[in-house]
Amino acid sequence: MRWLLTLVIALVGGFAGAALWQFAGVGPNPTREYLLANPEVLPEAIEVLNRRETLAKVEPLRDELEAPFPGAMLGNPDGKVTLVEFSDYACGYCRQSMDDVMALIAANPDLKVVIREFPILSEGSGAAARMALAAAQQGKYAAFHDAMFAKDGPSEENIAAAAREAGVDIAKAQAAIDGGAFEGQLQNNMFLAQSLGFSGTPSWIVGDQVLNGAVGIDKISQAIEAARKS
């Protein structure tokens, strides 16, 4: 019946398909009749169509999406299930989601969390993202990520403090930042986000599901479990 559900969506905007069916001289449109008799299938049909549209966007980019900037990840580096998060250090919802991410890692030993720095909210967002990638280069990403989100925003002082707390060699990090070492990664993250239609943070990808916002641990857990079974 899945093929029929997809056709249902095409008929919603005025039942144009019914007119074509009858014009062809083959009698009443069975899909239209099914829809009228079973309108409860519409939510499922819309969900199926949305899932297919999401997959069409994600699949060509999946390998790139799930390959982190070296070191810019949390959880199990060899995890069988990958959760991708587009994140901004100025985003309160990203900060709010940190506890969920850590709980998911604790509950799923096979989970790899790829963080894609997506600094769109403030000038400080970009500075914090660059320092995060510099920390990743030094093997200090998780420590900086935690320390940065423990602050009240990506001010110059907070970024420096988070870097010190994470044990980042700040002189080395600043040299890499000044040399433009991370511009290509940030531009690529922007390209990926635009390709997927993301305009805010956090945005998540796991398996064939895309989630937007601080959706909560239960919804992400369900998506992880579905990805594990697929």
N, C-alpha and C. Protein backbone atom coordinates (compact mmCIF):
# COMPACT_ATOMS: atom_id res chain seq x y z
N MET A 1 0.82 -1.20 0.00
CA MET A 1 0.00 0.00 0.00
C MET A 1 0.86 1.26 0.00
N ARG A 2 2.19 1.15 0.19
CA ARG A 2 3.03 2.34 0.26
C ARG A 2 2.97 3.15 -1.03
N TRP A 3 2.92 2.46 -2.19
CA TRP A 3 2.86 3.21 -3.45
C TRP A 3 1.61 4.06 -3.50
N LEU A 4 0.52 3.54 -2.92
CA LEU A 4 -0.74 4.26 -2.93
C LEU A 4 -0.67 5.50 -2.04
N LEU A 5 0.03 5.39 -0.91
CA LEU A 5 0.13 6.52 -0.01
C LEU A 5 0.88 7.68 -0.65
N THR A 6 1.90 7.37 -1.43
CA THR A 6 2.62 8.43 -2.12
C THR A 6 1.73 9.11 -3.15
N LEU A 7 0.94 8.31 -3.85
CA LEU A 7 0.01 8.89 -4.82
C LEU A 7 -1.04 9.76 -4.15
N VAL A 8 -1.43 9.41 -2.94
CA VAL A 8 -2.42 10.20 -2.21
C VAL A 8 -1.97 11.65 -2.09
N ILE A 9 -0.69 11.86 -1.76
CA ILE A 9 -0.17 13.23 -1.60
C ILE A 9 -0.33 14.00 -2.89
N ALA A 10 -0.07 13.35 -4.01
CA ALA A 10 -0.17 14.03 -5.30
C ALA A 10 -1.60 14.44 -5.62
N LEU A 11 -2.56 13.77 -4.99
CA LEU A 11 -3.95 14.05 -5.30
C LEU A 11 -4.58 15.09 -4.37
N VAL A 12 -3.90 15.42 -3.28
CA VAL A 12 -4.49 16.28 -2.27
C VAL A 12 -4.84 17.65 -2.84
N GLY A 13 -4.00 18.22 -3.66
CA GLY A 13 -4.22 19.58 -4.15
C GLY A 13 -5.25 19.65 -5.26
N GLY A 14 -6.44 19.18 -5.02
CA GLY A 14 -7.53 19.37 -5.98
C GLY A 14 -7.93 18.13 -6.73
N PHE A 15 -7.31 16.97 -6.40
CA PHE A 15 -7.65 15.71 -7.05
C PHE A 15 -7.49 15.80 -8.57
N ALA A 16 -6.41 16.44 -8.98
CA ALA A 16 -6.15 16.56 -10.41
C ALA A 16 -5.99 15.18 -11.05
N GLY A 17 -5.45 14.26 -10.28
CA GLY A 17 -5.26 12.92 -10.81
C GLY A 17 -6.57 12.27 -11.18
N ALA A 18 -7.61 12.57 -10.41
CA ALA A 18 -8.92 11.97 -10.71
C ALA A 18 -9.43 12.44 -12.05
N ALA A 19 -9.26 13.72 -12.32
CA ALA A 19 -9.73 14.25 -13.60
C ALA A 19 -8.99 13.60 -14.75
N LEU A 20 -7.70 13.42 -14.62
CA LEU A 20 -6.91 12.79 -15.68
C LEU A 20 -7.35 11.34 -15.88
N TRP A 21 -7.59 10.67 -14.75
CA TRP A 21 -8.00 9.26 -14.81
C TRP A 21 -9.32 9.14 -15.59
N GLN A 22 -10.27 10.01 -15.25
CA GLN A 22 -11.56 9.94 -15.92
C GLN A 22 -11.47 10.40 -17.36
N PHE A 23 -10.63 11.38 -17.62
CA PHE A 23 -10.43 11.86 -19.00
C PHE A 23 -9.93 10.73 -19.89
N ALA A 24 -9.13 9.85 -19.31
CA ALA A 24 -8.59 8.73 -20.07
C ALA A 24 -9.64 7.68 -20.36
N GLY A 25 -10.81 7.84 -19.75
CA GLY A 25 -11.91 6.94 -20.04
C GLY A 25 -11.84 5.62 -19.33
N VAL A 26 -11.18 5.58 -18.19
CA VAL A 26 -11.06 4.32 -17.47
C VAL A 26 -11.88 4.30 -16.20
N GLY A 27 -12.82 5.23 -16.07
CA GLY A 27 -13.72 5.19 -14.93
C GLY A 27 -13.19 5.93 -13.72
N PRO A 28 -13.82 5.74 -12.57
CA PRO A 28 -13.45 6.45 -11.34
C PRO A 28 -12.01 6.15 -10.93
N ASN A 29 -11.41 7.13 -10.27
CA ASN A 29 -10.03 6.99 -9.79
C ASN A 29 -10.03 6.21 -8.48
N PRO A 30 -9.45 5.00 -8.44
CA PRO A 30 -9.50 4.20 -7.20
C PRO A 30 -8.69 4.82 -6.08
N THR A 31 -7.63 5.57 -6.41
CA THR A 31 -6.82 6.21 -5.37
C THR A 31 -7.63 7.30 -4.68
N ARG A 32 -8.36 8.10 -5.45
CA ARG A 32 -9.19 9.14 -4.87
C ARG A 32 -10.27 8.53 -3.97
N GLU A 33 -10.86 7.46 -4.46
CA GLU A 33 -11.90 6.82 -3.67
C GLU A 33 -11.35 6.24 -2.37
N TYR A 34 -10.15 5.69 -2.47
CA TYR A 34 -9.52 5.14 -1.25
C TYR A 34 -9.27 6.25 -0.24
N LEU A 35 -8.77 7.40 -0.73
CA LEU A 35 -8.49 8.53 0.15
C LEU A 35 -9.76 9.02 0.83
N LEU A 36 -10.83 9.16 0.07
CA LEU A 36 -12.08 9.64 0.64
C LEU A 36 -12.63 8.67 1.69
N ALA A 37 -12.42 7.40 1.46
CA ALA A 37 -12.92 6.40 2.40
C ALA A 37 -12.01 6.21 3.61
N ASN A 38 -10.72 6.58 3.44
CA ASN A 38 -9.73 6.34 4.50
C ASN A 38 -8.85 7.56 4.73
N PRO A 39 -9.42 8.69 5.11
CA PRO A 39 -8.61 9.91 5.27
C PRO A 39 -7.55 9.79 6.35
N GLU A 40 -7.67 8.81 7.24
CA GLU A 40 -6.69 8.66 8.31
C GLU A 40 -5.31 8.27 7.80
N VAL A 41 -5.20 7.86 6.52
CA VAL A 41 -3.88 7.49 6.00
C VAL A 41 -3.03 8.71 5.67
N LEU A 42 -3.62 9.90 5.64
CA LEU A 42 -2.87 11.09 5.23
C LEU A 42 -1.64 11.36 6.09
N PRO A 43 -1.73 11.34 7.43
CA PRO A 43 -0.51 11.59 8.22
C PRO A 43 0.61 10.60 7.91
N GLU A 44 0.25 9.33 7.73
CA GLU A 44 1.27 8.34 7.40
C GLU A 44 1.86 8.61 6.02
N ALA A 45 1.00 9.00 5.08
CA ALA A 45 1.47 9.30 3.73
C ALA A 45 2.45 10.47 3.74
N ILE A 46 2.11 11.50 4.50
CA ILE A 46 2.99 12.67 4.59
C ILE A 46 4.31 12.29 5.22
N GLU A 47 4.26 11.46 6.26
CA GLU A 47 5.50 11.01 6.91
C GLU A 47 6.38 10.23 5.94
N VAL A 48 5.77 9.33 5.18
CA VAL A 48 6.52 8.55 4.20
C VAL A 48 7.16 9.46 3.16
N LEU A 49 6.40 10.42 2.66
CA LEU A 49 6.93 11.33 1.64
C LEU A 49 8.06 12.18 2.20
N ASN A 50 7.89 12.69 3.43
CA ASN A 50 8.95 13.49 4.04
C ASN A 50 10.22 12.67 4.23
N ARG A 51 10.06 11.42 4.64
CA ARG A 51 11.22 10.55 4.85
C ARG A 51 11.96 10.33 3.53
N ARG A 52 11.22 10.14 2.46
CA ARG A 52 11.86 9.92 1.15
C ARG A 52 12.57 11.18 0.68
N GLU A 53 11.95 12.33 0.91
CA GLU A 53 12.59 13.59 0.51
C GLU A 53 13.86 13.83 1.32
N THR A 54 13.82 13.49 2.61
CA THR A 54 15.01 13.64 3.46
C THR A 54 16.13 12.74 2.97
N LEU A 55 15.80 11.49 2.69
CA LEU A 55 16.82 10.55 2.21
C LEU A 55 17.44 11.02 0.90
N ALA A 56 16.61 11.60 0.04
CA ALA A 56 17.13 12.09 -1.23
C ALA A 56 18.17 13.19 -1.04
N LYS A 57 18.02 13.96 0.03
CA LYS A 57 19.00 15.01 0.33
C LYS A 57 20.22 14.46 1.06
N VAL A 58 19.98 13.55 2.01
CA VAL A 58 21.05 13.08 2.88
C VAL A 58 21.97 12.08 2.20
N GLU A 59 21.42 11.12 1.47
CA GLU A 59 22.23 10.02 0.97
C GLU A 59 23.43 10.46 0.13
N PRO A 60 23.28 11.42 -0.80
CA PRO A 60 24.46 11.82 -1.58
C PRO A 60 25.56 12.46 -0.73
N LEU A 61 25.19 12.94 0.46
CA LEU A 61 26.14 13.65 1.33
C LEU A 61 26.55 12.83 2.55
N ARG A 62 25.99 11.63 2.69
CA ARG A 62 26.16 10.89 3.95
C ARG A 62 27.62 10.66 4.32
N ASP A 63 28.43 10.19 3.39
CA ASP A 63 29.83 9.90 3.71
C ASP A 63 30.53 11.15 4.22
N GLU A 64 30.27 12.28 3.57
CA GLU A 64 30.89 13.53 3.98
C GLU A 64 30.36 14.00 5.33
N LEU A 65 29.05 13.88 5.53
CA LEU A 65 28.44 14.30 6.78
C LEU A 65 28.98 13.52 7.97
N GLU A 66 29.17 12.23 7.79
CA GLU A 66 29.53 11.36 8.90
C GLU A 66 31.04 11.25 9.11
N ALA A 67 31.83 11.91 8.27
CA ALA A 67 33.28 11.93 8.45
C ALA A 67 33.66 13.22 9.17
N PRO A 68 34.04 13.14 10.45
CA PRO A 68 34.28 14.37 11.21
C PRO A 68 35.59 15.05 10.80
N PHE A 69 35.65 16.36 11.06
CA PHE A 69 36.96 17.01 11.06
C PHE A 69 37.79 16.25 12.09
N PRO A 70 39.04 15.90 11.77
CA PRO A 70 39.82 15.04 12.68
C PRO A 70 39.77 15.52 14.13
N GLY A 71 39.22 14.66 14.96
CA GLY A 71 39.14 14.96 16.39
C GLY A 71 37.86 15.62 16.83
N ALA A 72 37.04 16.15 15.91
CA ALA A 72 35.84 16.91 16.28
C ALA A 72 34.64 15.97 16.42
N MET A 73 34.70 15.12 17.41
CA MET A 73 33.64 14.15 17.63
C MET A 73 33.61 13.75 19.10
N LEU A 74 32.51 13.15 19.49
CA LEU A 74 32.33 12.65 20.84
C LEU A 74 31.90 11.19 20.75
N GLY A 75 31.99 10.47 21.86
CA GLY A 75 31.53 9.09 21.87
C GLY A 75 32.57 8.14 21.30
N ASN A 76 32.09 7.08 20.69
CA ASN A 76 32.94 6.00 20.17
C ASN A 76 33.41 6.33 18.75
N PRO A 77 34.72 6.51 18.55
CA PRO A 77 35.22 6.85 17.21
C PRO A 77 34.90 5.78 16.17
N ASP A 78 34.72 4.54 16.63
CA ASP A 78 34.42 3.43 15.73
C ASP A 78 32.97 2.99 15.84
N GLY A 79 32.13 3.87 16.35
CA GLY A 79 30.72 3.51 16.56
C GLY A 79 30.01 3.12 15.28
N LYS A 80 29.10 2.18 15.40
CA LYS A 80 28.33 1.70 14.25
C LYS A 80 27.18 2.63 13.90
N VAL A 81 26.75 3.42 14.86
CA VAL A 81 25.67 4.38 14.64
C VAL A 81 26.26 5.78 14.77
N THR A 82 25.95 6.63 13.78
CA THR A 82 26.49 7.99 13.78
C THR A 82 25.37 9.02 13.93
N LEU A 83 25.55 9.88 14.91
CA LEU A 83 24.66 11.03 15.12
C LEU A 83 25.44 12.28 14.73
N VAL A 84 24.93 13.03 13.78
CA VAL A 84 25.57 14.27 13.34
C VAL A 84 24.80 15.44 13.95
N GLU A 85 25.54 16.36 14.57
CA GLU A 85 24.91 17.56 15.13
C GLU A 85 25.55 18.81 14.55
N PHE A 86 24.74 19.69 13.99
CA PHE A 86 25.18 21.02 13.59
C PHE A 86 24.96 21.94 14.79
N SER A 87 26.04 22.57 15.26
CA SER A 87 25.99 23.24 16.55
C SER A 87 26.66 24.60 16.51
N ASP A 88 26.22 25.48 17.42
CA ASP A 88 26.76 26.84 17.55
C ASP A 88 26.93 27.13 19.04
N TYR A 89 28.10 27.62 19.43
CA TYR A 89 28.36 27.85 20.86
C TYR A 89 27.55 29.02 21.42
N ALA A 90 26.92 29.80 20.57
CA ALA A 90 26.04 30.87 21.05
C ALA A 90 24.59 30.41 21.16
N CYS A 91 24.34 29.16 20.88
CA CYS A 91 22.98 28.62 20.83
C CYS A 91 22.59 28.04 22.18
N GLY A 92 21.58 28.66 22.80
CA GLY A 92 21.11 28.16 24.08
C GLY A 92 20.50 26.77 23.98
N TYR A 93 19.87 26.47 22.85
CA TYR A 93 19.28 25.15 22.67
C TYR A 93 20.36 24.07 22.52
N CYS A 94 21.49 24.44 21.92
CA CYS A 94 22.61 23.50 21.83
C CYS A 94 23.16 23.22 23.23
N ARG A 95 23.29 24.28 24.03
CA ARG A 95 23.74 24.10 25.40
C ARG A 95 22.76 23.22 26.17
N GLN A 96 21.48 23.48 25.98
CA GLN A 96 20.44 22.70 26.63
C GLN A 96 20.51 21.22 26.24
N SER A 97 20.94 20.95 25.02
CA SER A 97 20.98 19.57 24.50
C SER A 97 22.24 18.82 24.91
N MET A 98 23.21 19.51 25.51
CA MET A 98 24.47 18.86 25.87
C MET A 98 24.26 17.67 26.80
N ASP A 99 23.42 17.84 27.83
CA ASP A 99 23.18 16.74 28.76
C ASP A 99 22.56 15.54 28.04
N ASP A 100 21.68 15.82 27.07
CA ASP A 100 21.07 14.74 26.29
C ASP A 100 22.13 13.98 25.50
N VAL A 101 23.04 14.73 24.88
CA VAL A 101 24.08 14.09 24.07
C VAL A 101 24.96 13.20 24.95
N MET A 102 25.35 13.69 26.12
CA MET A 102 26.21 12.89 27.00
C MET A 102 25.46 11.66 27.52
N ALA A 103 24.17 11.81 27.80
CA ALA A 103 23.39 10.66 28.25
C ALA A 103 23.24 9.63 27.13
N LEU A 104 23.07 10.10 25.90
CA LEU A 104 22.98 9.19 24.76
C LEU A 104 24.28 8.42 24.56
N ILE A 105 25.40 9.10 24.72
CA ILE A 105 26.70 8.44 24.59
C ILE A 105 26.85 7.37 25.66
N ALA A 106 26.46 7.70 26.89
CA ALA A 106 26.57 6.75 28.00
C ALA A 106 25.68 5.53 27.77
N ALA A 107 24.51 5.75 27.19
CA ALA A 107 23.54 4.66 26.99
C ALA A 107 23.79 3.85 25.73
N ASN A 108 24.62 4.39 24.82
CA ASN A 108 24.85 3.73 23.52
C ASN A 108 26.34 3.63 23.25
N PRO A 109 26.98 2.57 23.70
CA PRO A 109 28.44 2.43 23.51
C PRO A 109 28.85 2.39 22.04
N ASP A 110 27.91 2.12 21.14
CA ASP A 110 28.24 2.05 19.72
C ASP A 110 27.92 3.36 18.99
N LEU A 111 27.76 4.46 19.74
CA LEU A 111 27.37 5.73 19.15
C LEU A 111 28.57 6.65 18.93
N LYS A 112 28.69 7.13 17.70
CA LYS A 112 29.67 8.17 17.34
C LYS A 112 28.89 9.46 17.11
N VAL A 113 29.31 10.54 17.75
CA VAL A 113 28.65 11.83 17.59
C VAL A 113 29.59 12.77 16.85
N VAL A 114 29.24 13.10 15.64
CA VAL A 114 30.03 14.02 14.81
C VAL A 114 29.47 15.42 14.99
N ILE A 115 30.30 16.32 15.50
CA ILE A 115 29.87 17.71 15.68
C ILE A 115 30.34 18.53 14.49
N ARG A 116 29.40 19.20 13.85
CA ARG A 116 29.73 20.10 12.75
C ARG A 116 29.53 21.53 13.24
N GLU A 117 30.65 22.23 13.33
CA GLU A 117 30.60 23.62 13.79
C GLU A 117 29.85 24.46 12.75
N PHE A 118 28.79 25.09 13.20
CA PHE A 118 27.91 25.85 12.32
C PHE A 118 27.65 27.22 12.96
N PRO A 119 28.66 28.10 12.93
CA PRO A 119 28.59 29.37 13.67
C PRO A 119 27.79 30.43 12.91
N ILE A 120 26.51 30.54 13.23
CA ILE A 120 25.63 31.43 12.47
C ILE A 120 25.00 32.52 13.32
N LEU A 121 25.19 32.46 14.65
CA LEU A 121 24.40 33.33 15.52
C LEU A 121 25.10 34.62 15.94
N SER A 122 26.43 34.62 15.94
CA SER A 122 27.14 35.81 16.41
C SER A 122 28.58 35.78 15.92
N GLU A 123 29.24 36.91 16.04
CA GLU A 123 30.66 36.96 15.70
C GLU A 123 31.45 36.04 16.62
N GLY A 124 31.04 36.01 17.89
CA GLY A 124 31.69 35.12 18.83
C GLY A 124 31.54 33.65 18.47
N SER A 125 30.44 33.32 17.80
CA SER A 125 30.22 31.93 17.37
C SER A 125 31.37 31.46 16.48
N GLY A 126 31.76 32.31 15.54
CA GLY A 126 32.84 31.95 14.63
C GLY A 126 34.16 31.79 15.35
N ALA A 127 34.46 32.69 16.27
CA ALA A 127 35.72 32.60 17.02
C ALA A 127 35.75 31.32 17.86
N ALA A 128 34.62 30.99 18.49
CA ALA A 128 34.57 29.77 19.29
C ALA A 128 34.69 28.53 18.42
N ALA A 129 34.06 28.53 17.25
CA ALA A 129 34.14 27.39 16.34
C ALA A 129 35.58 27.16 15.89
N ARG A 130 36.27 28.23 15.58
CA ARG A 130 37.68 28.10 15.14
C ARG A 130 38.54 27.55 16.27
N MET A 131 38.32 28.03 17.49
CA MET A 131 39.09 27.51 18.62
C MET A 131 38.75 26.05 18.87
N ALA A 132 37.49 25.68 18.67
CA ALA A 132 37.09 24.28 18.84
C ALA A 132 37.83 23.37 17.86
N LEU A 133 37.95 23.81 16.62
CA LEU A 133 38.65 23.00 15.62
C LEU A 133 40.15 22.97 15.92
N ALA A 134 40.68 24.08 16.45
CA ALA A 134 42.08 24.07 16.87
C ALA A 134 42.28 23.11 18.03
N ALA A 135 41.31 23.07 18.94
CA ALA A 135 41.38 22.11 20.05
C ALA A 135 41.32 20.68 19.52
N ALA A 136 40.46 20.43 18.52
CA ALA A 136 40.38 19.11 17.91
C ALA A 136 41.72 18.70 17.32
N GLN A 137 42.39 19.65 16.70
CA GLN A 137 43.70 19.40 16.10
C GLN A 137 44.71 18.95 17.15
N GLN A 138 44.50 19.39 18.38
CA GLN A 138 45.40 19.05 19.49
C GLN A 138 44.88 17.90 20.35
N GLY A 139 43.79 17.27 19.93
CA GLY A 139 43.22 16.17 20.70
C GLY A 139 42.48 16.63 21.95
N LYS A 140 42.00 17.87 21.96
CA LYS A 140 41.35 18.44 23.15
C LYS A 140 39.90 18.84 22.86
N TYR A 141 39.31 18.30 21.82
CA TYR A 141 38.00 18.79 21.39
C TYR A 141 36.92 18.60 22.45
N ALA A 142 36.78 17.39 22.97
CA ALA A 142 35.70 17.12 23.93
C ALA A 142 35.82 18.01 25.15
N ALA A 143 37.05 18.19 25.62
CA ALA A 143 37.26 19.03 26.81
C ALA A 143 36.88 20.48 26.52
N PHE A 144 37.26 20.99 25.33
CA PHE A 144 36.91 22.37 24.99
C PHE A 144 35.40 22.50 24.79
N HIS A 145 34.81 21.55 24.11
CA HIS A 145 33.36 21.55 23.84
C HIS A 145 32.58 21.67 25.15
N ASP A 146 32.96 20.85 26.13
CA ASP A 146 32.28 20.88 27.42
C ASP A 146 32.52 22.20 28.13
N ALA A 147 33.77 22.65 28.14
CA ALA A 147 34.11 23.88 28.85
C ALA A 147 33.44 25.09 28.21
N MET A 148 33.35 25.11 26.89
CA MET A 148 32.76 26.25 26.20
C MET A 148 31.27 26.33 26.50
N PHE A 149 30.59 25.20 26.48
CA PHE A 149 29.15 25.22 26.75
C PHE A 149 28.84 25.45 28.24
N ALA A 150 29.84 25.31 29.08
CA ALA A 150 29.65 25.63 30.50
C ALA A 150 29.68 27.13 30.75
N LYS A 151 30.16 27.89 29.76
CA LYS A 151 30.20 29.35 29.87
C LYS A 151 28.84 29.94 29.46
N ASP A 152 28.71 31.24 29.65
CA ASP A 152 27.44 31.89 29.33
C ASP A 152 27.43 32.52 27.94
N GLY A 153 28.32 32.07 27.07
CA GLY A 153 28.35 32.58 25.70
C GLY A 153 29.77 32.69 25.19
N PRO A 154 29.93 32.79 23.86
CA PRO A 154 31.27 32.79 23.26
C PRO A 154 31.91 34.18 23.21
N SER A 155 32.11 34.79 24.36
CA SER A 155 32.87 36.04 24.40
C SER A 155 34.36 35.70 24.27
N GLU A 156 35.15 36.71 23.96
CA GLU A 156 36.59 36.49 23.83
C GLU A 156 37.17 35.92 25.11
N GLU A 157 36.71 36.44 26.25
CA GLU A 157 37.22 35.97 27.54
C GLU A 157 36.80 34.53 27.80
N ASN A 158 35.55 34.18 27.48
CA ASN A 158 35.08 32.82 27.72
C ASN A 158 35.76 31.81 26.81
N ILE A 159 36.02 32.19 25.58
CA ILE A 159 36.72 31.28 24.67
C ILE A 159 38.12 30.98 25.18
N ALA A 160 38.83 32.03 25.59
CA ALA A 160 40.19 31.85 26.11
C ALA A 160 40.16 31.00 27.38
N ALA A 161 39.19 31.26 28.26
CA ALA A 161 39.10 30.49 29.50
C ALA A 161 38.81 29.01 29.21
N ALA A 162 37.89 28.75 28.29
CA ALA A 162 37.56 27.37 27.94
C ALA A 162 38.77 26.66 27.34
N ALA A 163 39.52 27.35 26.51
CA ALA A 163 40.72 26.76 25.91
C ALA A 163 41.75 26.41 26.99
N ARG A 164 41.93 27.32 27.95
CA ARG A 164 42.88 27.03 29.03
C ARG A 164 42.42 25.83 29.85
N GLU A 165 41.12 25.80 30.19
CA GLU A 165 40.59 24.69 30.98
C GLU A 165 40.73 23.36 30.26
N ALA A 166 40.65 23.39 28.93
CA ALA A 166 40.75 22.16 28.14
C ALA A 166 42.20 21.74 27.90
N GLY A 167 43.14 22.59 28.29
CA GLY A 167 44.55 22.26 28.09
C GLY A 167 45.04 22.54 26.69
N VAL A 168 44.37 23.43 25.97
CA VAL A 168 44.78 23.78 24.61
C VAL A 168 46.02 24.65 24.65
N ASP A 169 46.97 24.36 23.76
CA ASP A 169 48.12 25.25 23.55
C ASP A 169 47.59 26.44 22.76
N ILE A 170 47.33 27.54 23.47
CA ILE A 170 46.63 28.67 22.85
C ILE A 170 47.48 29.35 21.78
N ALA A 171 48.77 29.45 22.01
CA ALA A 171 49.63 30.08 20.99
C ALA A 171 49.61 29.27 19.70
N LYS A 172 49.69 27.98 19.83
CA LYS A 172 49.66 27.10 18.65
C LYS A 172 48.28 27.17 17.97
N ALA A 173 47.24 27.19 18.79
CA ALA A 173 45.89 27.26 18.25
C ALA A 173 45.69 28.58 17.50
N GLN A 174 46.13 29.67 18.08
CA GLN A 174 45.93 30.97 17.46
C GLN A 174 46.70 31.08 16.15
N ALA A 175 47.87 30.48 16.10
CA ALA A 175 48.65 30.49 14.86
C ALA A 175 47.89 29.75 13.75
N ALA A 176 47.27 28.63 14.10
CA ALA A 176 46.49 27.87 13.11
C ALA A 176 45.27 28.67 12.66
N ILE A 177 44.63 29.32 13.61
CA ILE A 177 43.44 30.14 13.29
C ILE A 177 43.83 31.30 12.38
N ASP A 178 44.90 32.00 12.75
CA ASP A 178 45.34 33.16 11.96
C ASP A 178 45.78 32.74 10.56
N GLY A 179 46.26 31.51 10.44
CA GLY A 179 46.70 31.00 9.14
C GLY A 179 45.55 30.48 8.28
N GLY A 180 44.34 30.55 8.80
CA GLY A 180 43.18 30.13 8.01
C GLY A 180 43.00 28.63 7.92
N ALA A 181 43.56 27.90 8.90
CA ALA A 181 43.55 26.44 8.81
C ALA A 181 42.14 25.84 8.83
N PHE A 182 41.16 26.57 9.35
CA PHE A 182 39.84 25.97 9.56
C PHE A 182 38.75 26.60 8.69
N GLU A 183 39.14 27.52 7.83
CA GLU A 183 38.13 28.20 7.01
C GLU A 183 37.44 27.24 6.04
N GLY A 184 38.22 26.34 5.46
CA GLY A 184 37.64 25.37 4.53
C GLY A 184 36.61 24.49 5.20
N GLN A 185 36.89 24.05 6.42
CA GLN A 185 35.94 23.21 7.15
C GLN A 185 34.66 23.97 7.47
N LEU A 186 34.78 25.20 7.90
CA LEU A 186 33.59 25.99 8.24
C LEU A 186 32.76 26.28 6.99
N GLN A 187 33.42 26.56 5.89
CA GLN A 187 32.69 26.80 4.64
C GLN A 187 31.99 25.53 4.18
N ASN A 188 32.64 24.40 4.36
CA ASN A 188 32.02 23.14 3.96
C ASN A 188 30.81 22.82 4.84
N ASN A 189 30.93 23.10 6.13
CA ASN A 189 29.79 22.89 7.02
C ASN A 189 28.60 23.76 6.60
N MET A 190 28.90 24.98 6.20
CA MET A 190 27.85 25.88 5.74
C MET A 190 27.19 25.32 4.48
N PHE A 191 28.02 24.80 3.56
CA PHE A 191 27.49 24.21 2.33
C PHE A 191 26.59 23.02 2.65
N LEU A 192 27.04 22.15 3.55
CA LEU A 192 26.24 20.97 3.91
C LEU A 192 24.91 21.38 4.54
N ALA A 193 24.98 22.36 5.43
CA ALA A 193 23.75 22.83 6.09
C ALA A 193 22.77 23.40 5.07
N GLN A 194 23.27 24.20 4.16
CA GLN A 194 22.40 24.79 3.13
C GLN A 194 21.82 23.70 2.23
N SER A 195 22.62 22.70 1.91
CA SER A 195 22.15 21.61 1.05
C SER A 195 21.00 20.84 1.70
N LEU A 196 21.03 20.78 3.04
CA LEU A 196 20.00 20.05 3.77
C LEU A 196 18.85 20.94 4.23
N GLY A 197 18.96 22.24 3.94
CA GLY A 197 17.91 23.16 4.33
C GLY A 197 17.94 23.57 5.78
N PHE A 198 19.10 23.43 6.46
CA PHE A 198 19.21 23.83 7.86
C PHE A 198 19.40 25.34 7.95
N SER A 199 18.67 25.97 8.84
CA SER A 199 18.83 27.40 9.06
C SER A 199 19.00 27.73 10.53
N GLY A 200 19.05 26.71 11.38
CA GLY A 200 19.20 26.94 12.81
C GLY A 200 19.93 25.80 13.47
N THR A 201 20.18 25.95 14.76
CA THR A 201 20.88 24.94 15.54
C THR A 201 20.10 24.69 16.84
N PRO A 202 20.22 23.47 17.40
CA PRO A 202 20.91 22.33 16.81
C PRO A 202 20.07 21.68 15.72
N SER A 203 20.75 21.08 14.75
CA SER A 203 20.11 20.25 13.74
C SER A 203 20.82 18.90 13.76
N TRP A 204 20.06 17.85 13.62
CA TRP A 204 20.57 16.49 13.82
C TRP A 204 20.29 15.61 12.61
N ILE A 205 21.20 14.68 12.36
CA ILE A 205 21.00 13.64 11.35
C ILE A 205 21.40 12.32 11.97
N VAL A 206 20.54 11.34 11.90
CA VAL A 206 20.89 9.98 12.32
C VAL A 206 20.08 9.02 11.47
N GLY A 207 20.78 8.12 10.80
CA GLY A 207 20.11 7.20 9.89
C GLY A 207 19.38 7.96 8.80
N ASP A 208 18.09 7.69 8.64
CA ASP A 208 17.32 8.37 7.60
C ASP A 208 16.44 9.47 8.19
N GLN A 209 16.79 9.94 9.39
CA GLN A 209 15.99 10.98 10.03
C GLN A 209 16.77 12.27 10.22
N VAL A 210 16.10 13.38 9.98
CA VAL A 210 16.62 14.71 10.25
C VAL A 210 15.73 15.35 11.30
N LEU A 211 16.34 15.87 12.36
CA LEU A 211 15.60 16.49 13.45
C LEU A 211 16.11 17.92 13.64
N ASN A 212 15.21 18.82 13.96
CA ASN A 212 15.58 20.22 14.11
C ASN A 212 15.20 20.72 15.49
N GLY A 213 16.16 21.37 16.15
CA GLY A 213 15.90 21.98 17.45
C GLY A 213 16.26 21.06 18.61
N ALA A 214 15.98 21.56 19.82
CA ALA A 214 16.22 20.77 21.04
C ALA A 214 15.06 19.81 21.21
N VAL A 215 15.10 18.72 20.47
CA VAL A 215 13.95 17.81 20.38
C VAL A 215 13.83 16.88 21.58
N GLY A 216 14.88 16.80 22.40
CA GLY A 216 14.83 15.97 23.59
C GLY A 216 15.41 14.59 23.39
N ILE A 217 15.80 13.99 24.48
CA ILE A 217 16.54 12.72 24.43
C ILE A 217 15.68 11.58 23.88
N ASP A 218 14.40 11.57 24.18
CA ASP A 218 13.56 10.45 23.74
C ASP A 218 13.48 10.37 22.22
N LYS A 219 13.28 11.51 21.59
CA LYS A 219 13.15 11.52 20.14
C LYS A 219 14.45 11.11 19.46
N ILE A 220 15.57 11.59 19.98
CA ILE A 220 16.86 11.21 19.39
C ILE A 220 17.14 9.74 19.65
N SER A 221 16.81 9.26 20.84
CA SER A 221 17.00 7.84 21.16
C SER A 221 16.23 6.95 20.19
N GLN A 222 15.01 7.34 19.89
CA GLN A 222 14.19 6.55 18.95
C GLN A 222 14.82 6.53 17.56
N ALA A 223 15.38 7.68 17.16
CA ALA A 223 16.03 7.74 15.84
C ALA A 223 17.29 6.90 15.82
N ILE A 224 18.03 6.90 16.92
CA ILE A 224 19.25 6.06 17.02
C ILE A 224 18.88 4.59 16.92
N GLU A 225 17.84 4.21 17.63
CA GLU A 225 17.42 2.80 17.61
C GLU A 225 16.96 2.38 16.23
N ALA A 226 16.24 3.29 15.53
CA ALA A 226 15.80 2.99 14.17
C ALA A 226 16.99 2.85 13.24
N ALA A 227 18.00 3.71 13.41
CA ALA A 227 19.20 3.63 12.58
C ALA A 227 19.97 2.34 12.84
N ARG A 228 19.98 1.92 14.08
CA ARG A 228 20.70 0.68 14.43
C ARG A 228 20.04 -0.53 13.78
N LYS A 229 18.73 -0.49 13.64
CA LYS A 229 17.99 -1.63 13.09
C LYS A 229 17.95 -1.64 11.56
N SER A 230 18.28 -0.50 10.95
CA SER A 230 18.14 -0.39 9.50
C SER A 230 19.30 -1.08 8.78
